[in-house]
Every structure is written in C-alpha cells, then in structure tokens.
Amino acid sequence: QVQLVESGGGLVQAGGSLRLSCAASTIFNISAMGWYRQAPGKQRELVAVFTSTGSTNDAASVQGRFSISRDNAKKTVYLHMTALKPQATAVYYCHAHISTFDTDYWGQGTQVTVSS
C-alpha cells in the first residue's frame, strides 16, 4: 500500500509559478511516479512523470515550462510549474505505479487555479 499526499496547489495569476509536492509513504517497488491533471469536464491527462527507466515523460503542452524532479531521501516528487496559463487550471494528481503487482496509486489531488 502506498499513500501519496500532494501539496502546493493554489491560486496564481497567469504567468506565475507554483511548485507541487507529492510525498509518498514509501518508494519501495515504485516503478513510475509523476503527475496527472484533470480539468473540469475533461479526462485526466499526463503532465509529467518519471518512467520505469528513470527518464521523464512530459506532455507537449507543458514542455519548456513545467519540470519534474524528485528527492528520494524525502520520498517526494515535485512538479515545478512556470509561465502558468489559465488552461492549466485543474486538479493535479500524484500517481505511482508498482509494476510488480501492476497496481496504481493516486493522491487526493490538489487544486491549481490560474487566473487571467
């Protein structure tokens, strides 16, 4: 069982920055971990993740503005968001995948609202 706790969301003006954090109860056996988002009326979509090979995979819409990083000692993954646009408004979810058991875990989500 993996618990994921997100923090760092909030209200920001267009052009601003935010850093989201996702603290995991354990990183043992986690093969992939990262961030997804879901805007009102839309499907959940990938934002940025660390893949099972340790590389990153970013959505085209955020490349050059968002970046993902991690601190294994703190069992935390971060999403650094810059030059935010109103269309980035969504609930951001942390996700972890354990390939051994083919199991997915999700955090409770953190709201990001970008005002124009």
Protein backbone atom coordinates (compact mmCIF):
# COMPACT_ATOMS: atom_id res chain seq x y z
CA GLN A 1 0.00 0.00 0.00
CA VAL A 2 1.31 3.44 -0.96
CA GLN A 3 -0.10 6.70 0.33
CA LEU A 4 0.51 9.79 -1.73
CA VAL A 5 -0.03 13.26 -0.31
CA GLU A 6 0.03 16.28 -2.58
CA SER A 7 0.56 19.87 -1.53
CA GLY A 8 1.38 23.21 -3.05
CA GLY A 9 -1.68 23.98 -5.11
CA GLY A 10 -3.44 27.30 -5.01
CA LEU A 11 -4.50 30.38 -6.91
CA VAL A 12 -1.95 32.12 -9.09
CA GLN A 13 -2.08 34.75 -11.80
CA ALA A 14 -1.26 33.91 -15.38
CA GLY A 15 2.49 33.97 -15.88
CA GLY A 16 3.14 32.96 -12.31
CA SER A 17 4.77 29.87 -10.85
CA LEU A 18 3.90 27.11 -8.43
CA ARG A 19 5.65 24.06 -7.08
CA LEU A 20 3.63 20.99 -6.25
CA SER A 21 4.94 18.30 -3.92
CA CYS A 22 3.95 14.66 -3.63
CA ALA A 23 5.15 12.82 -0.57
CA ALA A 24 4.98 9.03 -0.74
CA SER A 25 4.71 6.75 2.27
CA THR A 26 7.26 4.52 0.58
CA ILE A 27 9.10 4.44 -2.72
CA PHE A 28 9.92 0.75 -2.41
CA ASN A 29 8.96 -1.05 -5.60
CA ILE A 30 7.56 2.07 -7.25
CA SER A 31 8.44 1.79 -10.92
CA ALA A 32 6.90 5.02 -12.20
CA MET A 33 5.75 8.16 -10.46
CA GLY A 34 4.55 11.54 -11.50
CA TRP A 35 1.75 13.96 -12.13
CA TYR A 36 -1.56 13.98 -13.95
CA ARG A 37 -4.27 16.62 -14.08
CA GLN A 38 -7.97 16.81 -14.68
CA ALA A 39 -9.72 19.97 -15.75
CA PRO A 40 -13.49 20.39 -15.35
CA GLY A 41 -15.34 18.37 -17.96
CA LYS A 42 -12.16 16.79 -19.31
CA GLN A 43 -10.38 13.49 -18.93
CA ARG A 44 -7.41 13.06 -16.68
CA GLU A 45 -4.19 13.58 -18.60
CA LEU A 46 -0.50 13.05 -18.07
CA VAL A 47 1.52 16.12 -17.15
CA ALA A 48 4.98 14.82 -16.29
CA VAL A 49 6.24 11.51 -14.95
CA PHE A 50 9.36 9.57 -14.16
CA THR A 51 9.19 6.36 -16.12
CA SER A 52 10.39 2.93 -15.08
CA THR A 53 13.74 3.62 -16.72
CA GLY A 54 14.22 6.80 -14.71
CA SER A 55 13.68 9.08 -17.66
CA THR A 56 10.95 11.71 -17.76
CA ASN A 57 7.93 11.96 -19.99
CA ASP A 58 6.28 15.38 -20.31
CA ALA A 59 3.11 16.44 -22.06
CA ALA A 60 3.79 18.54 -25.13
CA SER A 61 1.62 21.32 -23.74
CA VAL A 62 3.92 21.86 -20.75
CA GLN A 63 7.36 21.29 -22.24
CA GLY A 64 9.70 24.14 -21.53
CA ARG A 65 7.51 25.47 -18.72
CA PHE A 66 6.95 22.57 -16.33
CA SER A 67 9.57 20.21 -14.97
CA ILE A 68 9.52 17.22 -12.66
CA SER A 69 12.12 16.44 -10.05
CA ARG A 70 12.46 14.11 -7.11
CA ASP A 71 14.21 13.74 -3.79
CA ASN A 72 14.46 10.04 -2.97
CA ALA A 73 15.64 10.72 0.56
CA LYS A 74 12.42 12.62 1.20
CA LYS A 75 10.35 10.17 -0.90
CA THR A 76 8.98 13.22 -2.68
CA VAL A 77 8.34 14.14 -6.29
CA TYR A 78 7.93 17.75 -7.32
CA LEU A 79 6.26 19.49 -10.22
CA HIS A 80 7.75 22.88 -10.97
CA MET A 81 5.32 24.96 -12.98
CA THR A 82 6.30 28.28 -14.56
CA ALA A 83 4.66 30.65 -17.04
CA LEU A 84 1.30 29.30 -15.98
CA LYS A 85 -1.66 29.77 -18.29
CA PRO A 86 -5.36 29.78 -17.39
CA GLN A 87 -5.78 26.49 -19.26
CA ALA A 88 -3.54 24.87 -16.64
CA THR A 89 -6.39 25.21 -14.16
CA ALA A 90 -7.16 21.70 -12.95
CA VAL A 91 -6.90 19.28 -10.09
CA TYR A 92 -3.39 17.86 -10.12
CA TYR A 93 -2.96 14.27 -9.01
CA CYS A 94 0.12 12.42 -7.97
CA HIS A 95 0.38 8.90 -9.34
CA ALA A 96 2.56 5.91 -8.57
CA HIS A 97 2.75 2.58 -10.34
CA ILE A 98 4.13 -0.64 -8.94
CA SER A 99 4.87 -2.92 -11.86
CA THR A 100 5.45 -5.99 -9.66
CA PHE A 101 1.78 -6.05 -8.77
CA ASP A 102 0.54 -3.96 -11.70
CA THR A 103 -1.06 -1.59 -9.21
CA ASP A 104 -1.71 2.12 -9.43
CA TYR A 105 -1.99 4.57 -6.56
CA TRP A 106 -3.38 8.11 -6.63
CA GLY A 107 -3.21 11.00 -4.27
CA GLN A 108 -6.26 13.00 -3.27
CA GLY A 109 -5.42 15.81 -5.68
CA THR A 110 -4.54 19.45 -5.25
CA GLN A 111 -6.35 22.29 -6.98
CA VAL A 112 -4.41 24.68 -9.18
CA THR A 113 -6.28 27.73 -10.42
CA VAL A 114 -4.67 30.18 -12.83
CA SER A 115 -6.46 33.49 -13.21
CA SER A 116 -6.19 35.61 -16.34
